[in-house]
Amino acid sequence: MNDSMVEALILAINEQTKSQQAQTKAILALAESNQQLIGLLIDDSDVAEDEPNHVQVYLSGQPKEEQIAQIRKASSEAAQQGYLHGQRLLGDR
């Protein structure tokens, strides 16, 4: 491989890295947006209680409160995983 090919390869790799960093930022923003949306949906579902003593059960067989707790935990963990993965890709900026 001659010098001009090496330089072209380095430039291409640098451009690829910039593109991946931009993509990672976009994915992190999407994950944060999804987490906020989940929070809004959960808050909205708390308001729509017709029968205060009625325990709503989902198809999974879990009561509403357990399902909401699992969703919150999963979305938090997913956002954290995305954040950690993004930081690693972005070089801990």
PDB file of N, CA and C in Angstrom:
ATOM      1  N   MET A   1       0.858  -1.171   0.000  1.00  0.00           N
ATOM      2  CA  MET A   1       0.000   0.000   0.000  1.00  0.00           C
ATOM      3  C   MET A   1       0.904   1.233   0.000  1.00  0.00           C
ATOM      4  N   ASN A   2       0.656   2.148  -0.920  1.00  0.00           N
ATOM      5  CA  ASN A   2       1.500   3.341  -0.969  1.00  0.00           C
ATOM      6  C   ASN A   2       0.971   4.429  -0.043  1.00  0.00           C
ATOM      7  N   ASP A   3       1.743   5.509   0.087  1.00  0.00           N
ATOM      8  CA  ASP A   3       1.405   6.577   1.035  1.00  0.00           C
ATOM      9  C   ASP A   3       0.053   7.226   0.749  1.00  0.00           C
ATOM     10  N   SER A   4      -0.258   7.443  -0.516  1.00  0.00           N
ATOM     11  CA  SER A   4      -1.535   8.093  -0.836  1.00  0.00           C
ATOM     12  C   SER A   4      -2.715   7.196  -0.479  1.00  0.00           C
ATOM     13  N   MET A   5      -2.558   5.894  -0.629  1.00  0.00           N
ATOM     14  CA  MET A   5      -3.629   4.974  -0.254  1.00  0.00           C
ATOM     15  C   MET A   5      -3.811   4.946   1.262  1.00  0.00           C
ATOM     16  N   VAL A   6      -2.711   4.998   1.986  1.00  0.00           N
ATOM     17  CA  VAL A   6      -2.779   5.012   3.449  1.00  0.00           C
ATOM     18  C   VAL A   6      -3.474   6.283   3.923  1.00  0.00           C
ATOM     19  N   GLU A   7      -3.128   7.413   3.338  1.00  0.00           N
ATOM     20  CA  GLU A   7      -3.751   8.684   3.717  1.00  0.00           C
ATOM     21  C   GLU A   7      -5.247   8.669   3.403  1.00  0.00           C
ATOM     22  N   ALA A   8      -5.603   8.130   2.251  1.00  0.00           N
ATOM     23  CA  ALA A   8      -7.015   8.036   1.887  1.00  0.00           C
ATOM     24  C   ALA A   8      -7.767   7.136   2.859  1.00  0.00           C
ATOM     25  N   LEU A   9      -7.142   6.048   3.264  1.00  0.00           N
ATOM     26  CA  LEU A   9      -7.759   5.137   4.228  1.00  0.00           C
ATOM     27  C   LEU A   9      -7.952   5.819   5.575  1.00  0.00           C
ATOM     28  N   ILE A  10      -6.951   6.551   6.010  1.00  0.00           N
ATOM     29  CA  ILE A  10      -7.048   7.268   7.295  1.00  0.00           C
ATOM     30  C   ILE A  10      -8.159   8.300   7.239  1.00  0.00           C
ATOM     31  N   LEU A  11      -8.248   9.048   6.145  1.00  0.00           N
ATOM     32  CA  LEU A  11      -9.323  10.035   5.990  1.00  0.00           C
ATOM     33  C   LEU A  11     -10.693   9.368   6.023  1.00  0.00           C
ATOM     34  N   ALA A  12     -10.806   8.240   5.348  1.00  0.00           N
ATOM     35  CA  ALA A  12     -12.084   7.514   5.331  1.00  0.00           C
ATOM     36  C   ALA A  12     -12.456   7.019   6.721  1.00  0.00           C
ATOM     37  N   ILE A  13     -11.490   6.521   7.453  1.00  0.00           N
ATOM     38  CA  ILE A  13     -11.746   6.038   8.820  1.00  0.00           C
ATOM     39  C   ILE A  13     -12.153   7.199   9.719  1.00  0.00           C
ATOM     40  N   ASN A  14     -11.491   8.353   9.560  1.00  0.00           N
ATOM     41  CA  ASN A  14     -11.854   9.531  10.356  1.00  0.00           C
ATOM     42  C   ASN A  14     -13.285   9.974  10.061  1.00  0.00           C
ATOM     43  N   GLU A  15     -13.683   9.966   8.798  1.00  0.00           N
ATOM     44  CA  GLU A  15     -15.049  10.331   8.431  1.00  0.00           C
ATOM     45  C   GLU A  15     -16.051   9.328   8.985  1.00  0.00           C
ATOM     46  N   GLN A  16     -15.693   8.059   8.938  1.00  0.00           N
ATOM     47  CA  GLN A  16     -16.564   7.026   9.486  1.00  0.00           C
ATOM     48  C   GLN A  16     -16.745   7.237  10.991  1.00  0.00           C
ATOM     49  N   THR A  17     -15.672   7.558  11.683  1.00  0.00           N
ATOM     50  CA  THR A  17     -15.738   7.797  13.127  1.00  0.00           C
ATOM     51  C   THR A  17     -16.647   8.975  13.433  1.00  0.00           C
ATOM     52  N   LYS A  18     -16.518  10.071  12.665  1.00  0.00           N
ATOM     53  CA  LYS A  18     -17.390  11.235  12.873  1.00  0.00           C
ATOM     54  C   LYS A  18     -18.851  10.863  12.662  1.00  0.00           C
ATOM     55  N   SER A  19     -19.115  10.089  11.629  1.00  0.00           N
ATOM     56  CA  SER A  19     -20.489   9.662  11.348  1.00  0.00           C
ATOM     57  C   SER A  19     -21.031   8.788  12.474  1.00  0.00           C
ATOM     58  N   GLN A  20     -20.212   7.896  12.983  1.00  0.00           N
ATOM     59  CA  GLN A  20     -20.650   7.019  14.076  1.00  0.00           C
ATOM     60  C   GLN A  20     -20.896   7.819  15.345  1.00  0.00           C
ATOM     61  N   GLN A  21     -20.095   8.848  15.593  1.00  0.00           N
ATOM     62  CA  GLN A  21     -20.315   9.687  16.767  1.00  0.00           C
ATOM     63  C   GLN A  21     -21.634  10.440  16.648  1.00  0.00           C
ATOM     64  N   ALA A  22     -21.920  10.963  15.457  1.00  0.00           N
ATOM     65  CA  ALA A  22     -23.191  11.655  15.249  1.00  0.00           C
ATOM     66  C   ALA A  22     -24.365  10.688  15.404  1.00  0.00           C
ATOM     67  N   GLN A  23     -24.196   9.476  14.895  1.00  0.00           N
ATOM     68  CA  GLN A  23     -25.242   8.467  15.016  1.00  0.00           C
ATOM     69  C   GLN A  23     -25.463   8.110  16.484  1.00  0.00           C
ATOM     70  N   THR A  24     -24.395   7.976  17.241  1.00  0.00           N
ATOM     71  CA  THR A  24     -24.505   7.649  18.665  1.00  0.00           C
ATOM     72  C   THR A  24     -25.236   8.753  19.414  1.00  0.00           C
ATOM     73  N   LYS A  25     -24.920  10.007  19.115  1.00  0.00           N
ATOM     74  CA  LYS A  25     -25.624  11.121  19.756  1.00  0.00           C
ATOM     75  C   LYS A  25     -27.116  11.068  19.444  1.00  0.00           C
ATOM     76  N   ALA A  26     -27.446  10.753  18.201  1.00  0.00           N
ATOM     77  CA  ALA A  26     -28.857  10.667  17.806  1.00  0.00           C
ATOM     78  C   ALA A  26     -29.562   9.525  18.529  1.00  0.00           C
ATOM     79  N   ILE A  27     -28.893   8.399  18.664  1.00  0.00           N
ATOM     80  CA  ILE A  27     -29.476   7.246  19.366  1.00  0.00           C
ATOM     81  C   ILE A  27     -29.692   7.578  20.835  1.00  0.00           C
ATOM     82  N   LEU A  28     -28.741   8.265  21.448  1.00  0.00           N
ATOM     83  CA  LEU A  28     -28.887   8.652  22.851  1.00  0.00           C
ATOM     84  C   LEU A  28     -30.056   9.622  23.024  1.00  0.00           C
ATOM     85  N   ALA A  29     -30.199  10.557  22.095  1.00  0.00           N
ATOM     86  CA  ALA A  29     -31.326  11.494  22.162  1.00  0.00           C
ATOM     87  C   ALA A  29     -32.643  10.748  22.012  1.00  0.00           C
ATOM     88  N   LEU A  30     -32.688   9.767  21.127  1.00  0.00           N
ATOM     89  CA  LEU A  30     -33.898   8.959  20.948  1.00  0.00           C
ATOM     90  C   LEU A  30     -34.219   8.161  22.209  1.00  0.00           C
ATOM     91  N   ALA A  31     -33.210   7.583  22.839  1.00  0.00           N
ATOM     92  CA  ALA A  31     -33.423   6.813  24.064  1.00  0.00           C
ATOM     93  C   ALA A  31     -33.970   7.716  25.172  1.00  0.00           C
ATOM     94  N   GLU A  32     -33.418   8.917  25.274  1.00  0.00           N
ATOM     95  CA  GLU A  32     -33.902   9.855  26.289  1.00  0.00           C
ATOM     96  C   GLU A  32     -35.341  10.268  25.999  1.00  0.00           C
ATOM     97  N   SER A  33     -35.636  10.513  24.738  1.00  0.00           N
ATOM     98  CA  SER A  33     -36.991  10.871  24.339  1.00  0.00           C
ATOM     99  C   SER A  33     -37.968   9.744  24.656  1.00  0.00           C
ATOM    100  N   ASN A  34     -37.563   8.510  24.372  1.00  0.00           N
ATOM    101  CA  ASN A  34     -38.428   7.356  24.661  1.00  0.00           C
ATOM    102  C   ASN A  34     -38.677   7.231  26.153  1.00  0.00           C
ATOM    103  N   GLN A  35     -37.644   7.475  26.952  1.00  0.00           N
ATOM    104  CA  GLN A  35     -37.801   7.382  28.400  1.00  0.00           C
ATOM    105  C   GLN A  35     -38.784   8.448  28.890  1.00  0.00           C
ATOM    106  N   GLN A  36     -38.694   9.644  28.351  1.00  0.00           N
ATOM    107  CA  GLN A  36     -39.629  10.703  28.731  1.00  0.00           C
ATOM    108  C   GLN A  36     -41.051  10.356  28.308  1.00  0.00           C
ATOM    109  N   LEU A  37     -41.192   9.791  27.116  1.00  0.00           N
ATOM    110  CA  LEU A  37     -42.515   9.390  26.636  1.00  0.00           C
ATOM    111  C   LEU A  37     -43.118   8.310  27.534  1.00  0.00           C
ATOM    112  N   ILE A  38     -42.309   7.348  27.929  1.00  0.00           N
ATOM    113  CA  ILE A  38     -42.790   6.298  28.833  1.00  0.00           C
ATOM    114  C   ILE A  38     -43.269   6.919  30.142  1.00  0.00           C
ATOM    115  N   GLY A  39     -42.513   7.882  30.652  1.00  0.00           N
ATOM    116  CA  GLY A  39     -42.914   8.566  31.876  1.00  0.00           C
ATOM    117  C   GLY A  39     -44.254   9.261  31.727  1.00  0.00           C
ATOM    118  N   LEU A  40     -44.451   9.925  30.591  1.00  0.00           N
ATOM    119  CA  LEU A  40     -45.726  10.605  30.348  1.00  0.00           C
ATOM    120  C   LEU A  40     -46.879   9.614  30.250  1.00  0.00           C
ATOM    121  N   LEU A  41     -46.647   8.509  29.562  1.00  0.00           N
ATOM    122  CA  LEU A  41     -47.696   7.495  29.429  1.00  0.00           C
ATOM    123  C   LEU A  41     -48.047   6.886  30.783  1.00  0.00           C
ATOM    124  N   ILE A  42     -47.044   6.644  31.588  1.00  0.00           N
ATOM    125  CA  ILE A  42     -47.290   6.073  32.913  1.00  0.00           C
ATOM    126  C   ILE A  42     -48.068   7.069  33.771  1.00  0.00           C
ATOM    127  N   ASP A  43     -47.641   8.343  33.746  1.00  0.00           N
ATOM    128  CA  ASP A  43     -48.354   9.368  34.513  1.00  0.00           C
ATOM    129  C   ASP A  43     -49.794   9.493  34.052  1.00  0.00           C
ATOM    130  N   ASP A  44     -50.012   9.437  32.742  1.00  0.00           N
ATOM    131  CA  ASP A  44     -51.356   9.541  32.186  1.00  0.00           C
ATOM    132  C   ASP A  44     -52.213   8.352  32.603  1.00  0.00           C
ATOM    133  N   SER A  45     -51.612   7.174  32.650  1.00  0.00           N
ATOM    134  CA  SER A  45     -52.385   5.985  33.022  1.00  0.00           C
ATOM    135  C   SER A  45     -52.780   6.023  34.494  1.00  0.00           C
ATOM    136  N   ASP A  46     -51.991   6.719  35.318  1.00  0.00           N
ATOM    137  CA  ASP A  46     -52.338   6.852  36.737  1.00  0.00           C
ATOM    138  C   ASP A  46     -53.588   7.718  36.918  1.00  0.00           C
ATOM    139  N   VAL A  47     -53.784   8.688  36.030  1.00  0.00           N
ATOM    140  CA  VAL A  47     -54.923   9.593  36.127  1.00  0.00           C
ATOM    141  C   VAL A  47     -56.225   8.905  35.726  1.00  0.00           C
ATOM    142  N   ALA A  48     -56.143   7.933  34.840  1.00  0.00           N
ATOM    143  CA  ALA A  48     -57.338   7.307  34.271  1.00  0.00           C
ATOM    144  C   ALA A  48     -57.826   6.120  35.088  1.00  0.00           C
ATOM    145  N   GLU A  49     -57.915   6.273  36.380  1.00  0.00           N
ATOM    146  CA  GLU A  49     -58.425   5.211  37.251  1.00  0.00           C
ATOM    147  C   GLU A  49     -59.909   5.441  37.509  1.00  0.00           C
ATOM    148  N   ASP A  50     -60.742   4.514  37.056  1.00  0.00           N
ATOM    149  CA  ASP A  50     -62.179   4.633  37.281  1.00  0.00           C
ATOM    150  C   ASP A  50     -62.585   4.045  38.627  1.00  0.00           C
ATOM    151  N   GLU A  51     -61.996   2.907  38.963  1.00  0.00           N
ATOM    152  CA  GLU A  51     -62.341   2.220  40.208  1.00  0.00           C
ATOM    153  C   GLU A  51     -61.099   2.176  41.102  1.00  0.00           C
ATOM    154  N   PRO A  52     -61.062   2.947  42.170  1.00  0.00           N
ATOM    155  CA  PRO A  52     -59.862   3.012  43.002  1.00  0.00           C
ATOM    156  C   PRO A  52     -59.474   1.673  43.644  1.00  0.00           C
ATOM    157  N   ASN A  53     -60.447   0.791  43.931  1.00  0.00           N
ATOM    158  CA  ASN A  53     -60.132  -0.484  44.584  1.00  0.00           C
ATOM    159  C   ASN A  53     -59.889  -1.616  43.582  1.00  0.00           C
ATOM    160  N   HIS A  54     -60.032  -1.318  42.309  1.00  0.00           N
ATOM    161  CA  HIS A  54     -59.867  -2.325  41.259  1.00  0.00           C
ATOM    162  C   HIS A  54     -58.394  -2.424  40.868  1.00  0.00           C
ATOM    163  N   VAL A  55     -57.860  -3.646  40.898  1.00  0.00           N
ATOM    164  CA  VAL A  55     -56.479  -3.864  40.491  1.00  0.00           C
ATOM    165  C   VAL A  55     -56.489  -4.283  39.029  1.00  0.00           C
ATOM    166  N   GLN A  56     -55.906  -3.426  38.180  1.00  0.00           N
ATOM    167  CA  GLN A  56     -55.854  -3.727  36.751  1.00  0.00           C
ATOM    168  C   GLN A  56     -54.733  -4.728  36.492  1.00  0.00           C
ATOM    169  N   VAL A  57     -55.046  -5.784  35.756  1.00  0.00           N
ATOM    170  CA  VAL A  57     -54.073  -6.821  35.444  1.00  0.00           C
ATOM    171  C   VAL A  57     -53.870  -6.856  33.933  1.00  0.00           C
ATOM    172  N   TYR A  58     -52.623  -6.893  33.527  1.00  0.00           N
ATOM    173  CA  TYR A  58     -52.282  -6.934  32.107  1.00  0.00           C
ATOM    174  C   TYR A  58     -52.236  -8.373  31.612  1.00  0.00           C
ATOM    175  N   LEU A  59     -52.060  -8.544  30.296  1.00  0.00           N
ATOM    176  CA  LEU A  59     -52.017  -9.880  29.711  1.00  0.00           C
ATOM    177  C   LEU A  59     -50.909 -10.734  30.323  1.00  0.00           C
ATOM    178  N   SER A  60     -49.852 -10.091  30.815  1.00  0.00           N
ATOM    179  CA  SER A  60     -48.758 -10.837  31.440  1.00  0.00           C
ATOM    180  C   SER A  60     -49.190 -11.442  32.770  1.00  0.00           C
ATOM    181  N   GLY A  61     -50.359 -11.008  33.273  1.00  0.00           N
ATOM    182  CA  GLY A  61     -50.838 -11.500  34.557  1.00  0.00           C
ATOM    183  C   GLY A  61     -50.339 -10.664  35.724  1.00  0.00           C
ATOM    184  N   GLN A  62     -49.555  -9.642  35.433  1.00  0.00           N
ATOM    185  CA  GLN A  62     -49.026  -8.799  36.507  1.00  0.00           C
ATOM    186  C   GLN A  62     -49.964  -7.625  36.779  1.00  0.00           C
ATOM    187  N   PRO A  63     -50.083  -7.241  38.038  1.00  0.00           N
ATOM    188  CA  PRO A  63     -50.851  -6.036  38.352  1.00  0.00           C
ATOM    189  C   PRO A  63     -50.195  -4.814  37.715  1.00  0.00           C
ATOM    190  N   LYS A  64     -50.993  -3.786  37.511  1.00  0.00           N
ATOM    191  CA  LYS A  64     -50.542  -2.568  36.832  1.00  0.00           C
ATOM    192  C   LYS A  64     -49.286  -1.984  37.493  1.00  0.00           C
ATOM    193  N   GLU A  65     -49.263  -1.913  38.801  1.00  0.00           N
ATOM    194  CA  GLU A  65     -48.142  -1.293  39.503  1.00  0.00           C
ATOM    195  C   GLU A  65     -46.830  -2.049  39.253  1.00  0.00           C
ATOM    196  N   GLU A  66     -46.901  -3.383  39.246  1.00  0.00           N
ATOM    197  CA  GLU A  66     -45.699  -4.178  38.970  1.00  0.00           C
ATOM    198  C   GLU A  66     -45.227  -3.968  37.533  1.00  0.00           C
ATOM    199  N   GLN A  67     -46.174  -3.930  36.620  1.00  0.00           N
ATOM    200  CA  GLN A  67     -45.841  -3.729  35.210  1.00  0.00           C
ATOM    201  C   GLN A  67     -45.170  -2.364  35.024  1.00  0.00           C
ATOM    202  N   ILE A  68     -45.724  -1.326  35.645  1.00  0.00           N
ATOM    203  CA  ILE A  68     -45.156   0.019  35.539  1.00  0.00           C
ATOM    204  C   ILE A  68     -43.755   0.051  36.136  1.00  0.00           C
ATOM    205  N   ALA A  69     -43.570  -0.581  37.270  1.00  0.00           N
ATOM    206  CA  ALA A  69     -42.242  -0.613  37.894  1.00  0.00           C
ATOM    207  C   ALA A  69     -41.229  -1.300  36.979  1.00  0.00           C
ATOM    208  N   GLN A  70     -41.637  -2.381  36.339  1.00  0.00           N
ATOM    209  CA  GLN A  70     -40.730  -3.085  35.426  1.00  0.00           C
ATOM    210  C   GLN A  70     -40.406  -2.233  34.206  1.00  0.00           C
ATOM    211  N   ILE A  71     -41.396  -1.522  33.676  1.00  0.00           N
ATOM    212  CA  ILE A  71     -41.166  -0.663  32.513  1.00  0.00           C
ATOM    213  C   ILE A  71     -40.197   0.455  32.873  1.00  0.00           C
ATOM    214  N   ARG A  72     -40.418   1.082  34.037  1.00  0.00           N
ATOM    215  CA  ARG A  72     -39.509   2.156  34.471  1.00  0.00           C
ATOM    216  C   ARG A  72     -38.086   1.646  34.632  1.00  0.00           C
ATOM    217  N   LYS A  73     -37.943   0.484  35.251  1.00  0.00           N
ATOM    218  CA  LYS A  73     -36.616  -0.089  35.467  1.00  0.00           C
ATOM    219  C   LYS A  73     -35.948  -0.420  34.131  1.00  0.00           C
ATOM    220  N   ALA A  74     -36.694  -1.042  33.230  1.00  0.00           N
ATOM    221  CA  ALA A  74     -36.134  -1.426  31.928  1.00  0.00           C
ATOM    222  C   ALA A  74     -35.739  -0.200  31.112  1.00  0.00           C
ATOM    223  N   SER A  75     -36.571   0.836  31.129  1.00  0.00           N
ATOM    224  CA  SER A  75     -36.241   2.025  30.343  1.00  0.00           C
ATOM    225  C   SER A  75     -35.041   2.749  30.941  1.00  0.00           C
ATOM    226  N   SER A  76     -34.945   2.763  32.257  1.00  0.00           N
ATOM    227  CA  SER A  76     -33.801   3.381  32.908  1.00  0.00           C
ATOM    228  C   SER A  76     -32.516   2.618  32.591  1.00  0.00           C
ATOM    229  N   GLU A  77     -32.592   1.290  32.664  1.00  0.00           N
ATOM    230  CA  GLU A  77     -31.422   0.469  32.360  1.00  0.00           C
ATOM    231  C   GLU A  77     -31.021   0.614  30.895  1.00  0.00           C
ATOM    232  N   ALA A  78     -32.007   0.666  30.007  1.00  0.00           N
ATOM    233  CA  ALA A  78     -31.710   0.805  28.578  1.00  0.00           C
ATOM    234  C   ALA A  78     -31.050   2.151  28.300  1.00  0.00           C
ATOM    235  N   ALA A  79     -31.574   3.188  28.930  1.00  0.00           N
ATOM    236  CA  ALA A  79     -30.978   4.511  28.733  1.00  0.00           C
ATOM    237  C   ALA A  79     -29.561   4.539  29.276  1.00  0.00           C
ATOM    238  N   GLN A  80     -29.354   3.919  30.436  1.00  0.00           N
ATOM    239  CA  GLN A  80     -28.019   3.886  31.027  1.00  0.00           C
ATOM    240  C   GLN A  80     -27.066   3.092  30.139  1.00  0.00           C
ATOM    241  N   GLN A  81     -27.520   1.958  29.618  1.00  0.00           N
ATOM    242  CA  GLN A  81     -26.685   1.150  28.727  1.00  0.00           C
ATOM    243  C   GLN A  81     -26.334   1.937  27.470  1.00  0.00           C
ATOM    244  N   GLY A  82     -27.327   2.630  26.923  1.00  0.00           N
ATOM    245  CA  GLY A  82     -27.082   3.449  25.743  1.00  0.00           C
ATOM    246  C   GLY A  82     -26.111   4.564  26.034  1.00  0.00           C
ATOM    247  N   TYR A  83     -26.249   5.170  27.219  1.00  0.00           N
ATOM    248  CA  TYR A  83     -25.352   6.248  27.613  1.00  0.00           C
ATOM    249  C   TYR A  83     -23.932   5.723  27.753  1.00  0.00           C
ATOM    250  N   LEU A  84     -23.766   4.588  28.438  1.00  0.00           N
ATOM    251  CA  LEU A  84     -22.430   4.035  28.632  1.00  0.00           C
ATOM    252  C   LEU A  84     -21.818   3.617  27.309  1.00  0.00           C
ATOM    253  N   HIS A  85     -22.617   2.994  26.439  1.00  0.00           N
ATOM    254  CA  HIS A  85     -22.118   2.569  25.133  1.00  0.00           C
ATOM    255  C   HIS A  85     -21.748   3.811  24.300  1.00  0.00           C
ATOM    256  N   GLY A  86     -22.587   4.831  24.369  1.00  0.00           N
ATOM    257  CA  GLY A  86     -22.314   6.067  23.635  1.00  0.00           C
ATOM    258  C   GLY A  86     -21.064   6.747  24.125  1.00  0.00           C
ATOM    259  N   GLN A  87     -20.875   6.770  25.434  1.00  0.00           N
ATOM    260  CA  GLN A  87     -19.669   7.386  25.981  1.00  0.00           C
ATOM    261  C   GLN A  87     -18.421   6.652  25.510  1.00  0.00           C
ATOM    262  N   ARG A  88     -18.517   5.333  25.442  1.00  0.00           N
ATOM    263  CA  ARG A  88     -17.373   4.541  24.994  1.00  0.00           C
ATOM    264  C   ARG A  88     -17.080   4.844  23.520  1.00  0.00           C
ATOM    265  N   LEU A  89     -18.128   4.947  22.709  1.00  0.00           N
ATOM    266  CA  LEU A  89     -17.948   5.239  21.288  1.00  0.00           C
ATOM    267  C   LEU A  89     -17.473   6.663  21.064  1.00  0.00           C
ATOM    268  N   LEU A  90     -17.943   7.581  21.893  1.00  0.00           N
ATOM    269  CA  LEU A  90     -17.569   8.974  21.730  1.00  0.00           C
ATOM    270  C   LEU A  90     -16.232   9.307  22.393  1.00  0.00           C
ATOM    271  N   GLY A  91     -15.639   8.342  23.027  1.00  0.00           N
ATOM    272  CA  GLY A  91     -14.340   8.573  23.658  1.00  0.00           C
ATOM    273  C   GLY A  91     -14.456   9.312  24.969  1.00  0.00           C
ATOM    274  N   ASP A  92     -15.530   9.042  25.748  1.00  0.00           N
ATOM    275  CA  ASP A  92     -15.744   9.639  27.079  1.00  0.00           C
ATOM    276  C   ASP A  92     -15.664  11.162  27.045  1.00  0.00           C
ATOM    277  N   ARG A  93     -16.422  11.775  26.156  1.00  0.00           N
ATOM    278  CA  ARG A  93     -16.424  13.240  26.068  1.00  0.00           C
ATOM    279  C   ARG A  93     -17.241  13.849  27.167  1.00  0.00           C
TER     280      ARG A  93
END
